[in-house]
N, C-alpha and C. Protein backbone atom coordinates (compact mmCIF):
# COMPACT_ATOMS: atom_id res chain seq x y z
N MET A 1 13.78 -24.33 -44.03
CA MET A 1 13.96 -22.76 -44.73
C MET A 1 12.49 -21.97 -44.43
N PHE A 2 11.43 -23.45 -44.93
CA PHE A 2 10.23 -22.58 -45.20
C PHE A 2 10.10 -22.17 -43.10
N THR A 3 10.62 -22.84 -42.84
CA THR A 3 10.22 -22.03 -41.19
C THR A 3 10.37 -20.22 -40.44
N ILE A 4 12.04 -20.18 -41.75
CA ILE A 4 12.80 -19.31 -41.12
C ILE A 4 11.71 -17.84 -42.38
N LYS A 5 10.63 -18.51 -43.31
CA LYS A 5 10.58 -17.22 -44.12
C LYS A 5 9.27 -17.28 -42.90
N THR A 6 9.28 -17.82 -42.23
CA THR A 6 7.52 -17.88 -41.55
C THR A 6 7.60 -17.33 -40.52
N ALA A 7 8.39 -17.18 -39.64
CA ALA A 7 8.95 -16.42 -38.16
C ALA A 7 9.58 -14.79 -38.78
N PHE A 8 9.94 -14.79 -39.85
CA PHE A 8 10.50 -13.65 -40.25
C PHE A 8 9.54 -12.90 -40.56
N GLY A 9 8.48 -13.74 -41.75
CA GLY A 9 7.46 -13.00 -41.60
C GLY A 9 5.88 -12.70 -40.37
N ARG A 10 6.57 -13.68 -39.53
CA ARG A 10 5.73 -13.19 -38.60
C ARG A 10 5.92 -11.75 -37.65
N ALA A 11 7.38 -11.86 -37.81
CA ALA A 11 7.80 -10.57 -36.91
C ALA A 11 8.30 -8.52 -37.71
N ALA A 12 7.89 -9.58 -39.26
CA ALA A 12 8.20 -8.51 -39.94
C ALA A 12 7.08 -7.75 -39.89
N SER A 13 5.92 -8.58 -39.44
CA SER A 13 4.65 -8.04 -39.75
C SER A 13 3.08 -7.48 -38.83
N GLY A 14 4.15 -7.65 -37.10
CA GLY A 14 3.82 -6.48 -36.06
C GLY A 14 2.86 -7.36 -35.13
N SER A 15 2.40 -8.56 -35.79
CA SER A 15 1.45 -9.36 -35.18
C SER A 15 2.92 -10.58 -33.69
N PHE A 16 1.84 -10.73 -32.76
CA PHE A 16 3.04 -11.52 -31.81
C PHE A 16 2.16 -12.37 -31.82
N GLY A 17 1.15 -12.52 -32.92
CA GLY A 17 0.26 -13.95 -32.27
C GLY A 17 0.70 -13.96 -30.58
N ILE A 18 -0.15 -13.25 -29.75
CA ILE A 18 -0.43 -13.46 -28.03
C ILE A 18 -1.30 -12.46 -28.54
N SER A 19 -2.99 -12.96 -28.25
CA SER A 19 -3.96 -11.66 -28.12
C SER A 19 -4.51 -11.49 -26.79
N THR A 20 -5.56 -10.43 -27.00
CA THR A 20 -6.09 -9.68 -26.05
C THR A 20 -6.47 -10.15 -25.00
N PHE A 21 -6.49 -11.18 -24.67
CA PHE A 21 -7.71 -12.21 -24.00
C PHE A 21 -6.69 -12.56 -23.23
N TRP A 22 -5.72 -13.57 -23.78
CA TRP A 22 -4.31 -14.22 -23.55
C TRP A 22 -3.76 -12.57 -21.97
N LEU A 23 -3.84 -12.09 -22.72
CA LEU A 23 -2.59 -10.92 -21.94
C LEU A 23 -4.23 -10.77 -20.31
N LEU A 24 -5.26 -10.55 -20.65
CA LEU A 24 -6.01 -10.14 -20.02
C LEU A 24 -6.15 -11.30 -18.48
N PHE A 25 -6.32 -12.44 -19.43
CA PHE A 25 -6.20 -13.73 -18.82
C PHE A 25 -4.73 -13.30 -17.42
N PHE A 26 -3.60 -14.11 -18.39
CA PHE A 26 -2.42 -13.39 -17.60
C PHE A 26 -2.60 -12.51 -15.86
N ALA A 27 -2.64 -11.03 -16.65
CA ALA A 27 -3.35 -10.20 -15.67
C ALA A 27 -3.96 -10.59 -14.74
N ILE A 28 -5.07 -11.29 -15.05
CA ILE A 28 -6.60 -11.28 -13.77
C ILE A 28 -5.65 -12.94 -13.07
N ALA A 29 -4.74 -13.48 -13.31
CA ALA A 29 -4.02 -14.29 -12.68
C ALA A 29 -3.40 -14.11 -12.03
N ILE A 30 -2.52 -13.05 -12.15
CA ILE A 30 -1.62 -12.23 -11.62
C ILE A 30 -1.86 -12.07 -10.31
N LEU A 31 -2.76 -10.51 -10.59
CA LEU A 31 -3.71 -9.98 -9.83
C LEU A 31 -4.70 -11.11 -8.62
N ASP A 32 -5.19 -12.37 -8.78
CA ASP A 32 -5.73 -12.52 -7.94
C ASP A 32 -4.69 -13.81 -7.44
N ASP A 33 -3.41 -14.27 -7.82
CA ASP A 33 -2.43 -14.53 -6.61
C ASP A 33 -2.48 -13.19 -5.62
N THR A 34 -2.03 -12.15 -6.05
CA THR A 34 -1.09 -11.45 -5.00
C THR A 34 -1.87 -10.76 -4.92
N GLU A 35 -3.15 -11.26 -4.73
CA GLU A 35 -5.20 -11.20 -3.62
C GLU A 35 -4.14 -12.23 -2.55
N ARG A 36 -4.31 -13.40 -3.19
CA ARG A 36 -4.29 -14.07 -1.68
C ARG A 36 -2.91 -14.42 -1.45
N ARG A 37 -2.02 -13.98 -1.51
CA ARG A 37 -0.78 -14.45 -1.13
C ARG A 37 -1.01 -13.05 0.44
N GLU A 38 -1.65 -11.58 -0.05
CA GLU A 38 -1.88 -10.71 1.28
C GLU A 38 -2.51 -11.63 2.11
N LYS A 39 -3.90 -11.27 1.03
CA LYS A 39 -4.68 -12.14 2.60
C LYS A 39 -4.25 -13.23 3.96
N LYS A 40 -3.23 -13.99 3.53
CA LYS A 40 -2.57 -14.58 3.95
C LYS A 40 -1.72 -14.40 4.72
N GLY A 41 -0.36 -13.42 4.08
CA GLY A 41 0.14 -12.06 5.43
C GLY A 41 -0.78 -11.67 6.11
N ARG A 42 -1.83 -11.20 5.89
CA ARG A 42 -2.27 -10.32 6.83
C ARG A 42 -2.70 -11.52 7.55
N LYS A 43 -3.54 -12.08 7.67
CA LYS A 43 -4.33 -13.46 8.91
C LYS A 43 -2.82 -13.69 9.26
N LYS A 44 -1.74 -13.73 8.90
CA LYS A 44 -0.32 -14.76 9.42
C LYS A 44 -0.20 -13.02 10.65
N ARG A 45 0.06 -12.22 10.07
CA ARG A 45 0.28 -10.66 11.12
C ARG A 45 -0.83 -11.34 12.03
N GLU A 46 -1.81 -10.70 11.63
CA GLU A 46 -2.74 -10.29 12.78
C GLU A 46 -2.82 -11.24 14.06
N SER A 47 -2.87 -13.54 13.46
CA SER A 47 -2.48 -13.73 14.33
C SER A 47 -1.26 -13.71 15.56
N ALA A 48 -0.30 -13.14 15.08
CA ALA A 48 1.14 -13.11 16.07
C ALA A 48 0.97 -12.19 16.28
N ALA A 49 0.33 -11.06 16.25
CA ALA A 49 -0.33 -9.72 16.93
C ALA A 49 -1.26 -10.03 17.50
N ALA A 50 -2.08 -10.77 17.23
CA ALA A 50 -2.82 -11.12 19.67
C ALA A 50 -2.67 -12.58 20.16
N ALA A 51 -0.93 -12.82 19.71
CA ALA A 51 -1.01 -13.76 20.36
C ALA A 51 -1.06 -13.34 21.27
N PRO A 52 -1.43 -14.17 22.53
CA PRO A 52 -0.23 -13.16 24.66
C PRO A 52 0.76 -13.66 24.81
N ARG A 53 1.53 -13.14 25.19
CA ARG A 53 2.97 -11.84 25.04
C ARG A 53 3.63 -13.35 27.16
N LYS A 54 4.08 -14.47 26.75
CA LYS A 54 4.81 -15.04 28.06
C LYS A 54 4.89 -14.08 29.15
N PRO A 55 4.39 -13.99 30.36
CA PRO A 55 4.66 -13.80 31.22
C PRO A 55 6.08 -13.79 31.53
N GLY A 56 7.06 -12.28 31.97
CA GLY A 56 8.93 -13.10 32.69
C GLY A 56 8.57 -13.31 33.79
N PRO A 57 10.47 -14.24 34.30
CA PRO A 57 10.28 -13.96 35.51
C PRO A 57 10.22 -12.67 36.96
N PRO A 58 9.45 -12.93 37.94
CA PRO A 58 9.86 -11.78 38.43
C PRO A 58 11.55 -11.03 38.95
N SER A 59 11.19 -8.94 38.81
CA SER A 59 12.16 -8.73 38.94
C SER A 59 12.60 -9.06 39.74
N GLY A 60 12.55 -9.22 40.87
CA GLY A 60 13.52 -9.67 41.69
C GLY A 60 14.55 -11.04 41.60
N SER A 61 13.22 -12.19 40.99
CA SER A 61 14.47 -13.42 40.72
C SER A 61 15.76 -13.70 40.09
N PRO A 62 16.73 -14.74 40.71
CA PRO A 62 17.76 -14.35 40.20
C PRO A 62 17.34 -15.52 38.79
N ARG A 63 18.63 -14.81 37.39
CA ARG A 63 18.39 -15.46 36.17
C ARG A 63 19.54 -16.45 36.14
N PHE A 64 18.98 -17.30 35.77
CA PHE A 64 20.31 -18.81 35.66
C PHE A 64 20.37 -18.73 33.97
């Protein structure tokens, strides 16, 4: 019964128990992860765009 009173008291007080510090910490972690993923994707796109194209067969040769 004590834990129910504590839970209801905490909900009624308006304080959810998470501090501004932890909200800021998680926001920075999410932004850092996003930046890392963007850099990785950019490197992939640049390397794919810079890859030399394989020459095709001459226009007059038969295709098998």
